[in-house]
């Protein structure tokens, strides 16, 4: 199971717990989980861009 599959399974389990404990909050919790996941995915993409930038030598470096 990949990261996305694991995420879906974890999200479903958390939402199911909220539906049992506080059903009136379950939809809001589900939306918050999706929003947080989107933020994490965006942050990871930004991190990969920064890492890639550090791997590339500058093209207009004065010593070359």
PDB file of N, CA and C in Angstrom:
ATOM      1  N   UNK A   1       0.853  -1.176   0.000  1.00  0.00           N
ATOM      2  CA  UNK A   1       0.000   0.000   0.000  1.00  0.00           C
ATOM      3  C   UNK A   1       0.892   1.230   0.000  1.00  0.00           C
ATOM      4  N   UNK A   2       0.602   2.132  -0.894  1.00  0.00           N
ATOM      5  CA  UNK A   2       1.390   3.354  -0.993  1.00  0.00           C
ATOM      6  C   UNK A   2       0.950   4.393   0.023  1.00  0.00           C
ATOM      7  N   UNK A   3       1.629   5.537  -0.056  1.00  0.00           N
ATOM      8  CA  UNK A   3       1.344   6.639   0.868  1.00  0.00           C
ATOM      9  C   UNK A   3      -0.101   7.086   0.757  1.00  0.00           C
ATOM     10  N   UNK A   4      -0.606   7.214  -0.469  1.00  0.00           N
ATOM     11  CA  UNK A   4      -1.987   7.683  -0.669  1.00  0.00           C
ATOM     12  C   UNK A   4      -2.983   6.681  -0.107  1.00  0.00           C
ATOM     13  N   UNK A   5      -2.747   5.399  -0.323  1.00  0.00           N
ATOM     14  CA  UNK A   5      -3.639   4.368   0.204  1.00  0.00           C
ATOM     15  C   UNK A   5      -3.633   4.334   1.721  1.00  0.00           C
ATOM     16  N   UNK A   6      -2.460   4.497   2.295  1.00  0.00           N
ATOM     17  CA  UNK A   6      -2.348   4.537   3.748  1.00  0.00           C
ATOM     18  C   UNK A   6      -3.057   5.747   4.321  1.00  0.00           C
ATOM     19  N   UNK A   7      -2.937   6.882   3.619  1.00  0.00           N
ATOM     20  CA  UNK A   7      -3.613   8.101   4.053  1.00  0.00           C
ATOM     21  C   UNK A   7      -5.130   7.903   4.055  1.00  0.00           C
ATOM     22  N   UNK A   8      -5.655   7.348   2.966  1.00  0.00           N
ATOM     23  CA  UNK A   8      -7.107   7.151   2.872  1.00  0.00           C
ATOM     24  C   UNK A   8      -7.605   6.243   3.997  1.00  0.00           C
ATOM     25  N   UNK A   9      -6.874   5.196   4.264  1.00  0.00           N
ATOM     26  CA  UNK A   9      -7.258   4.260   5.318  1.00  0.00           C
ATOM     27  C   UNK A   9      -7.229   4.940   6.688  1.00  0.00           C
ATOM     28  N   UNK A  10      -6.194   5.711   6.963  1.00  0.00           N
ATOM     29  CA  UNK A  10      -6.093   6.415   8.242  1.00  0.00           C
ATOM     30  C   UNK A  10      -7.199   7.466   8.373  1.00  0.00           C
ATOM     31  N   UNK A  11      -7.438   8.218   7.291  1.00  0.00           N
ATOM     32  CA  UNK A  11      -8.493   9.238   7.314  1.00  0.00           C
ATOM     33  C   UNK A  11      -9.849   8.611   7.595  1.00  0.00           C
ATOM     34  N   UNK A  12     -10.147   7.517   6.922  1.00  0.00           N
ATOM     35  CA  UNK A  12     -11.427   6.830   7.131  1.00  0.00           C
ATOM     36  C   UNK A  12     -11.585   6.359   8.572  1.00  0.00           C
ATOM     37  N   UNK A  13     -10.507   5.853   9.156  1.00  0.00           N
ATOM     38  CA  UNK A  13     -10.562   5.375  10.539  1.00  0.00           C
ATOM     39  C   UNK A  13     -10.804   6.535  11.506  1.00  0.00           C
ATOM     40  N   UNK A  14     -10.112   7.653  11.286  1.00  0.00           N
ATOM     41  CA  UNK A  14     -10.277   8.810  12.168  1.00  0.00           C
ATOM     42  C   UNK A  14     -11.699   9.363  12.054  1.00  0.00           C
ATOM     43  N   UNK A  15     -12.195   9.485  10.833  1.00  0.00           N
ATOM     44  CA  UNK A  15     -13.551  10.005  10.634  1.00  0.00           C
ATOM     45  C   UNK A  15     -14.581   9.058  11.254  1.00  0.00           C
ATOM     46  N   UNK A  16     -14.366   7.763  11.132  1.00  0.00           N
ATOM     47  CA  UNK A  16     -15.290   6.797  11.739  1.00  0.00           C
ATOM     48  C   UNK A  16     -15.331   6.960  13.262  1.00  0.00           C
ATOM     49  N   UNK A  17     -14.173   7.193  13.871  1.00  0.00           N
ATOM     50  CA  UNK A  17     -14.147   7.426  15.321  1.00  0.00           C
ATOM     51  C   UNK A  17     -14.939   8.681  15.684  1.00  0.00           C
ATOM     52  N   UNK A  18     -14.755   9.749  14.914  1.00  0.00           N
ATOM     53  CA  UNK A  18     -15.495  10.985  15.182  1.00  0.00           C
ATOM     54  C   UNK A  18     -16.994  10.792  14.982  1.00  0.00           C
ATOM     55  N   UNK A  19     -17.370   9.996  13.982  1.00  0.00           N
ATOM     56  CA  UNK A  19     -18.807   9.750  13.751  1.00  0.00           C
ATOM     57  C   UNK A  19     -19.445   9.052  14.952  1.00  0.00           C
ATOM     58  N   UNK A  20     -18.681   8.196  15.600  1.00  0.00           N
ATOM     59  CA  UNK A  20     -19.214   7.508  16.784  1.00  0.00           C
ATOM     60  C   UNK A  20     -19.212   8.409  18.015  1.00  0.00           C
ATOM     61  N   UNK A  21     -18.126   9.163  18.183  1.00  0.00           N
ATOM     62  CA  UNK A  21     -17.974   9.960  19.400  1.00  0.00           C
ATOM     63  C   UNK A  21     -18.726  11.289  19.336  1.00  0.00           C
ATOM     64  N   UNK A  22     -18.594  12.009  18.219  1.00  0.00           N
ATOM     65  CA  UNK A  22     -19.216  13.331  18.075  1.00  0.00           C
ATOM     66  C   UNK A  22     -19.667  13.507  16.631  1.00  0.00           C
ATOM     67  N   UNK A  23     -20.755  12.865  16.260  1.00  0.00           N
ATOM     68  CA  UNK A  23     -21.198  12.865  14.862  1.00  0.00           C
ATOM     69  C   UNK A  23     -21.409  14.260  14.276  1.00  0.00           C
ATOM     70  N   UNK A  24     -21.764  15.216  15.118  1.00  0.00           N
ATOM     71  CA  UNK A  24     -22.000  16.573  14.617  1.00  0.00           C
ATOM     72  C   UNK A  24     -20.711  17.242  14.139  1.00  0.00           C
ATOM     73  N   UNK A  25     -19.560  16.727  14.543  1.00  0.00           N
ATOM     74  CA  UNK A  25     -18.262  17.307  14.154  1.00  0.00           C
ATOM     75  C   UNK A  25     -17.554  16.513  13.054  1.00  0.00           C
ATOM     76  N   UNK A  26     -18.094  15.345  12.704  1.00  0.00           N
ATOM     77  CA  UNK A  26     -17.392  14.438  11.787  1.00  0.00           C
ATOM     78  C   UNK A  26     -17.106  15.073  10.428  1.00  0.00           C
ATOM     79  N   UNK A  27     -18.058  15.767   9.836  1.00  0.00           N
ATOM     80  CA  UNK A  27     -17.828  16.378   8.524  1.00  0.00           C
ATOM     81  C   UNK A  27     -16.761  17.467   8.596  1.00  0.00           C
ATOM     82  N   UNK A  28     -16.786  18.256   9.646  1.00  0.00           N
ATOM     83  CA  UNK A  28     -15.775  19.309   9.803  1.00  0.00           C
ATOM     84  C   UNK A  28     -14.387  18.690   9.993  1.00  0.00           C
ATOM     85  N   UNK A  29     -14.305  17.635  10.761  1.00  0.00           N
ATOM     86  CA  UNK A  29     -13.024  16.956  10.989  1.00  0.00           C
ATOM     87  C   UNK A  29     -12.499  16.386   9.675  1.00  0.00           C
ATOM     88  N   UNK A  30     -13.378  15.784   8.896  1.00  0.00           N
ATOM     89  CA  UNK A  30     -12.974  15.224   7.610  1.00  0.00           C
ATOM     90  C   UNK A  30     -12.415  16.324   6.701  1.00  0.00           C
ATOM     91  N   UNK A  31     -13.085  17.463   6.658  1.00  0.00           N
ATOM     92  CA  UNK A  31     -12.617  18.590   5.839  1.00  0.00           C
ATOM     93  C   UNK A  31     -11.268  19.106   6.341  1.00  0.00           C
ATOM     94  N   UNK A  32     -11.091  19.186   7.650  1.00  0.00           N
ATOM     95  CA  UNK A  32      -9.828  19.649   8.219  1.00  0.00           C
ATOM     96  C   UNK A  32      -8.685  18.684   7.900  1.00  0.00           C
ATOM     97  N   UNK A  33      -8.981  17.390   7.934  1.00  0.00           N
ATOM     98  CA  UNK A  33      -7.957  16.402   7.587  1.00  0.00           C
ATOM     99  C   UNK A  33      -7.525  16.560   6.127  1.00  0.00           C
ATOM    100  N   UNK A  34      -8.476  16.761   5.235  1.00  0.00           N
ATOM    101  CA  UNK A  34      -8.148  16.940   3.818  1.00  0.00           C
ATOM    102  C   UNK A  34      -7.345  18.215   3.595  1.00  0.00           C
ATOM    103  N   UNK A  35      -7.714  19.279   4.293  1.00  0.00           N
ATOM    104  CA  UNK A  35      -6.979  20.546   4.172  1.00  0.00           C
ATOM    105  C   UNK A  35      -5.541  20.391   4.673  1.00  0.00           C
ATOM    106  N   UNK A  36      -5.389  19.711   5.796  1.00  0.00           N
ATOM    107  CA  UNK A  36      -4.058  19.490   6.358  1.00  0.00           C
ATOM    108  C   UNK A  36      -3.221  18.631   5.429  1.00  0.00           C
ATOM    109  N   UNK A  37      -3.821  17.610   4.841  1.00  0.00           N
ATOM    110  CA  UNK A  37      -3.086  16.754   3.897  1.00  0.00           C
ATOM    111  C   UNK A  37      -2.608  17.579   2.705  1.00  0.00           C
ATOM    112  N   UNK A  38      -3.465  18.442   2.174  1.00  0.00           N
ATOM    113  CA  UNK A  38      -3.080  19.289   1.042  1.00  0.00           C
ATOM    114  C   UNK A  38      -1.900  20.191   1.418  1.00  0.00           C
ATOM    115  N   UNK A  39      -1.910  20.718   2.638  1.00  0.00           N
ATOM    116  CA  UNK A  39      -0.809  21.561   3.103  1.00  0.00           C
ATOM    117  C   UNK A  39       0.493  20.768   3.207  1.00  0.00           C
ATOM    118  N   UNK A  40       0.401  19.546   3.704  1.00  0.00           N
ATOM    119  CA  UNK A  40       1.589  18.702   3.844  1.00  0.00           C
ATOM    120  C   UNK A  40       2.151  18.349   2.470  1.00  0.00           C
ATOM    121  N   UNK A  41       1.279  17.982   1.538  1.00  0.00           N
ATOM    122  CA  UNK A  41       1.724  17.631   0.190  1.00  0.00           C
ATOM    123  C   UNK A  41       2.392  18.840  -0.470  1.00  0.00           C
ATOM    124  N   UNK A  42       1.814  20.015  -0.323  1.00  0.00           N
ATOM    125  CA  UNK A  42       2.400  21.234  -0.898  1.00  0.00           C
ATOM    126  C   UNK A  42       3.756  21.531  -0.266  1.00  0.00           C
ATOM    127  N   UNK A  43       3.863  21.361   1.041  1.00  0.00           N
ATOM    128  CA  UNK A  43       5.136  21.609   1.725  1.00  0.00           C
ATOM    129  C   UNK A  43       6.199  20.626   1.260  1.00  0.00           C
ATOM    130  N   UNK A  44       5.821  19.374   1.082  1.00  0.00           N
ATOM    131  CA  UNK A  44       6.781  18.380   0.604  1.00  0.00           C
ATOM    132  C   UNK A  44       7.250  18.718  -0.804  1.00  0.00           C
ATOM    133  N   UNK A  45       6.348  19.194  -1.649  1.00  0.00           N
ATOM    134  CA  UNK A  45       6.721  19.575  -3.010  1.00  0.00           C
ATOM    135  C   UNK A  45       7.710  20.742  -2.966  1.00  0.00           C
ATOM    136  N   UNK A  46       7.465  21.703  -2.091  1.00  0.00           N
ATOM    137  CA  UNK A  46       8.384  22.825  -1.925  1.00  0.00           C
ATOM    138  C   UNK A  46       9.739  22.369  -1.438  1.00  0.00           C
ATOM    139  N   UNK A  47       9.750  21.424  -0.512  1.00  0.00           N
ATOM    140  CA  UNK A  47      11.018  20.889  -0.007  1.00  0.00           C
ATOM    141  C   UNK A  47      11.812  20.223  -1.128  1.00  0.00           C
ATOM    142  N   UNK A  48      11.115  19.489  -1.989  1.00  0.00           N
ATOM    143  CA  UNK A  48      11.805  18.823  -3.103  1.00  0.00           C
ATOM    144  C   UNK A  48      12.401  19.847  -4.066  1.00  0.00           C
ATOM    145  N   UNK A  49      11.686  20.943  -4.290  1.00  0.00           N
ATOM    146  CA  UNK A  49      12.224  21.996  -5.157  1.00  0.00           C
ATOM    147  C   UNK A  49      13.476  22.619  -4.557  1.00  0.00           C
ATOM    148  N   UNK A  50      13.446  22.871  -3.265  1.00  0.00           N
ATOM    149  CA  UNK A  50      14.615  23.452  -2.586  1.00  0.00           C
ATOM    150  C   UNK A  50      15.792  22.484  -2.650  1.00  0.00           C
ATOM    151  N   UNK A  51      15.535  21.202  -2.393  1.00  0.00           N
ATOM    152  CA  UNK A  51      16.615  20.212  -2.450  1.00  0.00           C
ATOM    153  C   UNK A  51      17.199  20.132  -3.856  1.00  0.00           C
ATOM    154  N   UNK A  52      16.346  20.175  -4.862  1.00  0.00           N
ATOM    155  CA  UNK A  52      16.826  20.117  -6.244  1.00  0.00           C
ATOM    156  C   UNK A  52      17.653  21.351  -6.575  1.00  0.00           C
ATOM    157  N   UNK A  53      17.251  22.501  -6.081  1.00  0.00           N
ATOM    158  CA  UNK A  53      18.004  23.730  -6.341  1.00  0.00           C
ATOM    159  C   UNK A  53      19.404  23.647  -5.743  1.00  0.00           C
ATOM    160  N   UNK A  54      19.531  23.034  -4.581  1.00  0.00           N
ATOM    161  CA  UNK A  54      20.849  22.917  -3.956  1.00  0.00           C
ATOM    162  C   UNK A  54      21.741  21.942  -4.709  1.00  0.00           C
ATOM    163  N   UNK A  55      21.148  21.006  -5.445  1.00  0.00           N
ATOM    164  CA  UNK A  55      21.937  20.026  -6.189  1.00  0.00           C
ATOM    165  C   UNK A  55      22.489  20.614  -7.479  1.00  0.00           C
ATOM    166  N   UNK A  56      21.847  21.617  -8.036  1.00  0.00           N
ATOM    167  CA  UNK A  56      22.262  22.198  -9.312  1.00  0.00           C
ATOM    168  C   UNK A  56      23.297  23.293  -9.079  1.00  0.00           C
ATOM    169  N   UNK A  57      24.381  23.282  -9.797  1.00  0.00           N
ATOM    170  CA  UNK A  57      25.335  24.401  -9.666  1.00  0.00           C
ATOM    171  C   UNK A  57      24.746  25.652 -10.350  1.00  0.00           C
ATOM    172  N   UNK A  58      25.056  26.801  -9.834  1.00  0.00           N
ATOM    173  CA  UNK A  58      24.556  28.029 -10.467  1.00  0.00           C
ATOM    174  C   UNK A  58      25.100  28.147 -11.883  1.00  0.00           C
ATOM    175  N   UNK A  59      24.298  28.628 -12.813  1.00  0.00           N
ATOM    176  CA  UNK A  59      24.727  28.711 -14.210  1.00  0.00           C
ATOM    177  C   UNK A  59      25.522  29.969 -14.488  1.00  0.00           C
ATOM    178  N   UNK A  60      25.368  31.007 -13.690  1.00  0.00           N
ATOM    179  CA  UNK A  60      26.104  32.245 -13.944  1.00  0.00           C
ATOM    180  C   UNK A  60      27.081  32.564 -12.820  1.00  0.00           C
ATOM    181  N   UNK A  61      27.741  31.532 -12.311  1.00  0.00           N
ATOM    182  CA  UNK A  61      28.713  31.696 -11.243  1.00  0.00           C
ATOM    183  C   UNK A  61      29.963  32.363 -11.800  1.00  0.00           C
ATOM    184  N   UNK A  62      30.467  33.408 -11.167  1.00  0.00           N
ATOM    185  CA  UNK A  62      31.583  34.195 -11.685  1.00  0.00           C
ATOM    186  C   UNK A  62      32.897  33.428 -11.761  1.00  0.00           C
ATOM    187  N   UNK A  63      33.080  32.383 -11.043  1.00  0.00           N
ATOM    188  CA  UNK A  63      34.339  31.652 -11.076  1.00  0.00           C
ATOM    189  C   UNK A  63      34.408  30.601 -12.169  1.00  0.00           C
ATOM    190  N   UNK A  64      33.347  30.402 -12.970  1.00  0.00           N
ATOM    191  CA  UNK A  64      33.367  29.335 -13.955  1.00  0.00           C
ATOM    192  C   UNK A  64      33.826  29.788 -15.304  1.00  0.00           C
TER     193      UNK A  64
END
